[in-house]
Amino acid sequence: MACNEQQVTEAVETKMGPGGVPEGSKTSEFYRTENIPTRFDNPDWFQGYGGKQQHPMYRTTSALYGAKPPSVHTMTTSFYCRSQKFSEHLGKCGMYRNHSLNTDLDNSRV
């Protein structure tokens, strides 16, 4: 009987997070993950949820989804990064600037 009481006590002490999983759970403990950054493996690290309330008439489904904190069930299980080659090139050379002839009329009130 002592073993069962200890298991019940441990279950009560564990705080449950969003999605019905214990707080501090990792995505890789519940799902097979592939090449994900550490921040995606730990959904409890995300902050910034719970902004100001919106009027119910103007609320969207995206706002409803974004208002909930992430859990291991809503985190991505794979991650494929994109190359930053284009952005790196712009950083070195600068943005494109249009040097064509301006043929627009000046509408000055002076």
N, C-alpha and C. Protein backbone atom coordinates (compact mmCIF):
# COMPACT_ATOMS: atom_id res chain seq x y z
N MET A 1 0.82 -1.19 0.00
CA MET A 1 0.00 0.00 0.00
C MET A 1 0.86 1.26 0.00
N ALA A 2 2.04 1.21 0.60
CA ALA A 2 2.89 2.39 0.69
C ALA A 2 3.36 2.83 -0.69
N CYS A 3 3.59 1.90 -1.57
CA CYS A 3 4.06 2.23 -2.93
C CYS A 3 2.96 2.97 -3.69
N ASN A 4 1.73 2.55 -3.59
CA ASN A 4 0.62 3.21 -4.27
C ASN A 4 0.40 4.63 -3.74
N GLU A 5 0.54 4.80 -2.42
CA GLU A 5 0.39 6.13 -1.83
C GLU A 5 1.47 7.08 -2.34
N GLN A 6 2.69 6.58 -2.50
CA GLN A 6 3.78 7.39 -3.01
C GLN A 6 3.52 7.80 -4.46
N GLN A 7 3.00 6.90 -5.27
CA GLN A 7 2.68 7.21 -6.66
C GLN A 7 1.59 8.26 -6.74
N VAL A 8 0.58 8.17 -5.90
CA VAL A 8 -0.50 9.15 -5.88
C VAL A 8 0.02 10.51 -5.45
N THR A 9 0.90 10.55 -4.46
CA THR A 9 1.49 11.81 -4.00
C THR A 9 2.32 12.45 -5.09
N GLU A 10 3.11 11.67 -5.83
CA GLU A 10 3.92 12.21 -6.92
C GLU A 10 3.04 12.75 -8.03
N ALA A 11 1.93 12.08 -8.31
CA ALA A 11 1.03 12.53 -9.36
C ALA A 11 0.36 13.85 -8.98
N VAL A 12 0.05 14.04 -7.71
CA VAL A 12 -0.59 15.27 -7.25
C VAL A 12 0.40 16.43 -7.29
N GLU A 13 1.67 16.19 -6.96
CA GLU A 13 2.68 17.24 -6.91
C GLU A 13 3.08 17.73 -8.29
N THR A 14 2.91 16.93 -9.33
CA THR A 14 3.29 17.32 -10.68
C THR A 14 2.27 18.32 -11.21
N LYS A 15 2.77 19.52 -11.57
CA LYS A 15 1.89 20.53 -12.15
C LYS A 15 1.67 20.22 -13.62
N MET A 16 0.43 20.30 -14.02
CA MET A 16 0.10 20.04 -15.41
C MET A 16 0.13 21.34 -16.20
N GLY A 17 0.72 21.30 -17.39
CA GLY A 17 0.80 22.45 -18.26
C GLY A 17 -0.27 22.38 -19.33
N PRO A 18 -0.21 23.26 -20.33
CA PRO A 18 -1.18 23.22 -21.41
C PRO A 18 -1.06 21.92 -22.20
N GLY A 19 -2.19 21.41 -22.65
CA GLY A 19 -2.19 20.17 -23.40
C GLY A 19 -2.29 18.94 -22.52
N GLY A 20 -2.39 19.12 -21.20
CA GLY A 20 -2.53 17.98 -20.29
C GLY A 20 -1.25 17.21 -20.07
N VAL A 21 -0.11 17.85 -20.25
CA VAL A 21 1.18 17.19 -20.01
C VAL A 21 1.87 17.89 -18.84
N PRO A 22 2.74 17.20 -18.13
CA PRO A 22 3.44 17.85 -17.02
C PRO A 22 4.31 19.02 -17.49
N GLU A 23 4.41 20.05 -16.64
CA GLU A 23 5.25 21.20 -16.99
C GLU A 23 6.70 20.75 -17.12
N GLY A 24 7.39 21.36 -18.06
CA GLY A 24 8.79 21.01 -18.30
C GLY A 24 8.96 19.84 -19.25
N SER A 25 7.87 19.32 -19.78
CA SER A 25 7.97 18.20 -20.72
C SER A 25 8.57 18.67 -22.04
N LYS A 26 9.26 17.77 -22.69
CA LYS A 26 9.86 18.07 -23.98
C LYS A 26 9.04 17.44 -25.09
N THR A 27 9.06 18.06 -26.26
CA THR A 27 8.35 17.53 -27.41
C THR A 27 8.89 16.16 -27.80
N SER A 28 10.20 15.98 -27.67
CA SER A 28 10.81 14.71 -28.06
C SER A 28 10.43 13.56 -27.13
N GLU A 29 9.87 13.86 -25.96
CA GLU A 29 9.42 12.80 -25.06
C GLU A 29 8.08 12.21 -25.50
N PHE A 30 7.33 12.95 -26.33
CA PHE A 30 6.01 12.51 -26.75
C PHE A 30 5.93 12.17 -28.24
N TYR A 31 6.78 12.82 -29.04
CA TYR A 31 6.74 12.63 -30.49
C TYR A 31 8.15 12.37 -31.02
N ARG A 32 8.23 11.71 -32.16
CA ARG A 32 9.51 11.52 -32.83
C ARG A 32 9.86 12.84 -33.51
N THR A 33 10.95 13.45 -33.13
CA THR A 33 11.35 14.74 -33.67
C THR A 33 12.53 14.57 -34.60
N GLU A 34 12.68 15.56 -35.49
CA GLU A 34 13.74 15.49 -36.49
C GLU A 34 14.37 16.86 -36.65
N ASN A 35 15.59 17.01 -36.17
CA ASN A 35 16.38 18.22 -36.40
C ASN A 35 15.68 19.50 -35.93
N ILE A 36 15.16 19.51 -34.70
CA ILE A 36 14.49 20.71 -34.21
C ILE A 36 15.41 21.47 -33.25
N PRO A 37 15.34 22.80 -33.26
CA PRO A 37 16.13 23.58 -32.30
C PRO A 37 15.64 23.34 -30.87
N THR A 38 16.46 23.66 -29.92
CA THR A 38 16.14 23.43 -28.52
C THR A 38 14.88 24.18 -28.10
N ARG A 39 14.66 25.37 -28.65
CA ARG A 39 13.49 26.16 -28.26
C ARG A 39 12.19 25.47 -28.66
N PHE A 40 12.20 24.66 -29.73
CA PHE A 40 11.01 23.93 -30.14
C PHE A 40 10.82 22.66 -29.32
N ASP A 41 11.89 22.16 -28.75
CA ASP A 41 11.80 20.97 -27.92
C ASP A 41 11.30 21.31 -26.52
N ASN A 42 11.36 22.58 -26.13
CA ASN A 42 10.92 23.04 -24.82
C ASN A 42 9.85 24.11 -24.96
N PRO A 43 8.58 23.74 -25.09
CA PRO A 43 7.53 24.75 -25.31
C PRO A 43 7.33 25.67 -24.12
N ASP A 44 7.78 25.29 -22.92
CA ASP A 44 7.62 26.16 -21.75
C ASP A 44 8.51 27.39 -21.82
N TRP A 45 9.48 27.40 -22.71
CA TRP A 45 10.39 28.55 -22.83
C TRP A 45 9.73 29.73 -23.50
N PHE A 46 8.65 29.53 -24.25
CA PHE A 46 8.00 30.62 -24.98
C PHE A 46 7.28 31.54 -24.00
N GLN A 47 7.46 32.83 -24.18
CA GLN A 47 6.83 33.85 -23.35
C GLN A 47 6.02 34.78 -24.23
N GLY A 48 5.27 35.68 -23.62
CA GLY A 48 4.60 36.72 -24.37
C GLY A 48 3.16 36.44 -24.72
N TYR A 49 2.54 35.43 -24.14
CA TYR A 49 1.14 35.16 -24.42
C TYR A 49 0.28 35.84 -23.35
N GLY A 50 -0.92 36.17 -23.73
CA GLY A 50 -1.83 36.80 -22.77
C GLY A 50 -1.86 38.30 -22.92
N GLY A 51 -1.94 38.80 -24.13
CA GLY A 51 -2.01 40.24 -24.38
C GLY A 51 -3.37 40.79 -23.99
N LYS A 52 -3.66 41.99 -24.46
CA LYS A 52 -4.93 42.60 -24.09
C LYS A 52 -6.09 41.88 -24.77
N GLN A 53 -7.22 41.90 -24.12
CA GLN A 53 -8.41 41.23 -24.63
C GLN A 53 -8.97 41.96 -25.85
N GLN A 54 -9.46 41.21 -26.80
CA GLN A 54 -10.08 41.77 -27.99
C GLN A 54 -11.59 41.71 -27.83
N HIS A 55 -12.25 42.59 -28.55
CA HIS A 55 -13.71 42.57 -28.57
C HIS A 55 -14.13 41.28 -29.26
N PRO A 56 -15.10 40.54 -28.71
CA PRO A 56 -15.49 39.25 -29.30
C PRO A 56 -15.96 39.35 -30.75
N MET A 57 -16.50 40.50 -31.13
CA MET A 57 -17.00 40.65 -32.50
C MET A 57 -15.86 40.67 -33.53
N TYR A 58 -14.69 41.14 -33.12
CA TYR A 58 -13.56 41.29 -34.03
C TYR A 58 -12.49 40.22 -33.85
N ARG A 59 -12.74 39.26 -33.04
CA ARG A 59 -11.77 38.20 -32.77
C ARG A 59 -11.73 37.24 -33.96
N THR A 60 -10.53 36.81 -34.32
CA THR A 60 -10.37 35.86 -35.43
C THR A 60 -9.93 34.51 -34.89
N THR A 61 -9.99 33.50 -35.73
CA THR A 61 -9.55 32.18 -35.29
C THR A 61 -8.04 32.16 -35.07
N SER A 62 -7.31 32.98 -35.81
CA SER A 62 -5.86 33.06 -35.60
C SER A 62 -5.56 33.66 -34.23
N ALA A 63 -6.35 34.64 -33.82
CA ALA A 63 -6.15 35.25 -32.51
C ALA A 63 -6.48 34.25 -31.40
N LEU A 64 -7.47 33.42 -31.61
CA LEU A 64 -7.81 32.39 -30.62
C LEU A 64 -6.70 31.37 -30.50
N TYR A 65 -6.15 30.97 -31.63
CA TYR A 65 -5.06 30.00 -31.62
C TYR A 65 -3.81 30.59 -30.99
N GLY A 66 -3.51 31.85 -31.31
CA GLY A 66 -2.32 32.49 -30.78
C GLY A 66 -2.41 32.87 -29.31
N ALA A 67 -3.63 32.94 -28.76
CA ALA A 67 -3.79 33.31 -27.36
C ALA A 67 -3.43 32.16 -26.42
N LYS A 68 -3.42 30.94 -26.94
CA LYS A 68 -3.11 29.78 -26.10
C LYS A 68 -1.60 29.56 -26.05
N PRO A 69 -1.06 29.25 -24.88
CA PRO A 69 0.38 28.95 -24.83
C PRO A 69 0.67 27.62 -25.53
N PRO A 70 1.86 27.46 -26.08
CA PRO A 70 2.17 26.21 -26.81
C PRO A 70 2.33 25.03 -25.86
N SER A 71 2.09 23.85 -26.37
CA SER A 71 2.33 22.62 -25.63
C SER A 71 3.11 21.68 -26.53
N VAL A 72 3.44 20.52 -26.01
CA VAL A 72 4.19 19.56 -26.82
C VAL A 72 3.35 19.09 -28.00
N HIS A 73 2.02 19.19 -27.91
CA HIS A 73 1.15 18.72 -28.97
C HIS A 73 1.04 19.73 -30.11
N THR A 74 1.32 21.01 -29.85
CA THR A 74 1.20 22.02 -30.90
C THR A 74 2.55 22.45 -31.46
N MET A 75 3.63 21.98 -30.91
CA MET A 75 4.96 22.34 -31.42
C MET A 75 5.28 21.50 -32.65
N THR A 76 6.12 22.06 -33.51
CA THR A 76 6.53 21.36 -34.72
C THR A 76 7.48 20.21 -34.36
N THR A 77 7.44 19.16 -35.15
CA THR A 77 8.30 18.01 -34.88
C THR A 77 9.47 17.91 -35.85
N SER A 78 9.50 18.80 -36.85
CA SER A 78 10.65 18.82 -37.76
C SER A 78 10.96 20.27 -38.10
N PHE A 79 12.20 20.53 -38.46
CA PHE A 79 12.64 21.89 -38.74
C PHE A 79 13.64 21.85 -39.88
N TYR A 80 13.36 22.61 -40.93
CA TYR A 80 14.26 22.71 -42.07
C TYR A 80 14.56 24.18 -42.28
N CYS A 81 15.77 24.60 -41.96
CA CYS A 81 16.11 26.01 -42.08
C CYS A 81 16.33 26.38 -43.54
N ARG A 82 16.17 27.67 -43.82
CA ARG A 82 16.39 28.18 -45.17
C ARG A 82 17.74 28.85 -45.25
N SER A 83 18.29 28.87 -46.41
CA SER A 83 19.57 29.51 -46.64
C SER A 83 19.42 31.03 -46.53
N GLN A 84 20.39 31.69 -45.96
CA GLN A 84 20.38 33.15 -45.83
C GLN A 84 21.25 33.79 -46.90
N LYS A 85 21.49 33.10 -47.99
CA LYS A 85 22.40 33.56 -49.04
C LYS A 85 21.94 34.89 -49.63
N PHE A 86 20.65 35.03 -49.95
CA PHE A 86 20.14 36.26 -50.54
C PHE A 86 20.28 37.44 -49.58
N SER A 87 19.91 37.26 -48.31
CA SER A 87 20.01 38.33 -47.32
C SER A 87 21.46 38.72 -47.06
N GLU A 88 22.35 37.74 -47.04
CA GLU A 88 23.77 38.04 -46.84
C GLU A 88 24.30 38.87 -48.00
N HIS A 89 23.87 38.57 -49.21
CA HIS A 89 24.30 39.33 -50.38
C HIS A 89 23.81 40.77 -50.30
N LEU A 90 22.56 40.97 -49.89
CA LEU A 90 22.03 42.33 -49.74
C LEU A 90 22.77 43.10 -48.65
N GLY A 91 23.17 42.42 -47.60
CA GLY A 91 23.90 43.08 -46.53
C GLY A 91 25.25 43.59 -47.00
N LYS A 92 25.88 42.88 -47.91
CA LYS A 92 27.18 43.30 -48.43
C LYS A 92 27.04 44.40 -49.48
N CYS A 93 26.09 44.25 -50.40
CA CYS A 93 25.97 45.17 -51.53
C CYS A 93 25.01 46.32 -51.29
N GLY A 94 24.04 46.14 -50.41
CA GLY A 94 23.03 47.16 -50.19
C GLY A 94 21.78 46.89 -51.02
N MET A 95 20.71 47.57 -50.67
CA MET A 95 19.44 47.39 -51.38
C MET A 95 19.52 48.05 -52.76
N TYR A 96 18.68 47.59 -53.66
CA TYR A 96 18.60 48.14 -55.00
C TYR A 96 18.04 49.56 -54.93
N ARG A 97 18.61 50.48 -55.71
CA ARG A 97 18.13 51.85 -55.77
C ARG A 97 17.82 52.20 -57.21
N ASN A 98 16.63 52.72 -57.45
CA ASN A 98 16.18 53.05 -58.79
C ASN A 98 16.76 54.40 -59.19
N HIS A 99 17.60 54.44 -60.22
CA HIS A 99 18.24 55.67 -60.69
C HIS A 99 17.64 56.15 -62.01
N SER A 100 16.42 55.75 -62.32
CA SER A 100 15.82 56.14 -63.61
C SER A 100 15.36 57.59 -63.58
N LEU A 101 15.01 58.09 -64.74
CA LEU A 101 14.60 59.49 -64.91
C LEU A 101 13.22 59.73 -64.31
N ASN A 102 13.08 60.79 -63.51
CA ASN A 102 11.82 61.15 -62.92
C ASN A 102 11.05 62.03 -63.89
N THR A 103 9.90 61.55 -64.41
CA THR A 103 9.11 62.33 -65.35
C THR A 103 7.80 62.80 -64.75
N ASP A 104 7.64 62.72 -63.46
CA ASP A 104 6.42 63.10 -62.78
C ASP A 104 6.34 64.64 -62.69
N LEU A 105 5.12 65.19 -62.79
CA LEU A 105 4.92 66.63 -62.67
C LEU A 105 5.00 67.04 -61.22
N ASP A 106 5.57 68.21 -60.98
CA ASP A 106 5.61 68.76 -59.63
C ASP A 106 4.30 69.49 -59.36
N ASN A 107 3.60 69.09 -58.33
CA ASN A 107 2.33 69.71 -57.96
C ASN A 107 2.54 70.59 -56.73
N SER A 108 3.36 71.59 -56.87
CA SER A 108 3.66 72.49 -55.77
C SER A 108 2.63 73.62 -55.71
N ARG A 109 2.15 73.98 -54.55
CA ARG A 109 1.17 75.04 -54.39
C ARG A 109 1.85 76.40 -54.18
N VAL A 110 3.15 76.44 -54.22
CA VAL A 110 3.87 77.69 -54.00
C VAL A 110 3.94 78.52 -55.25
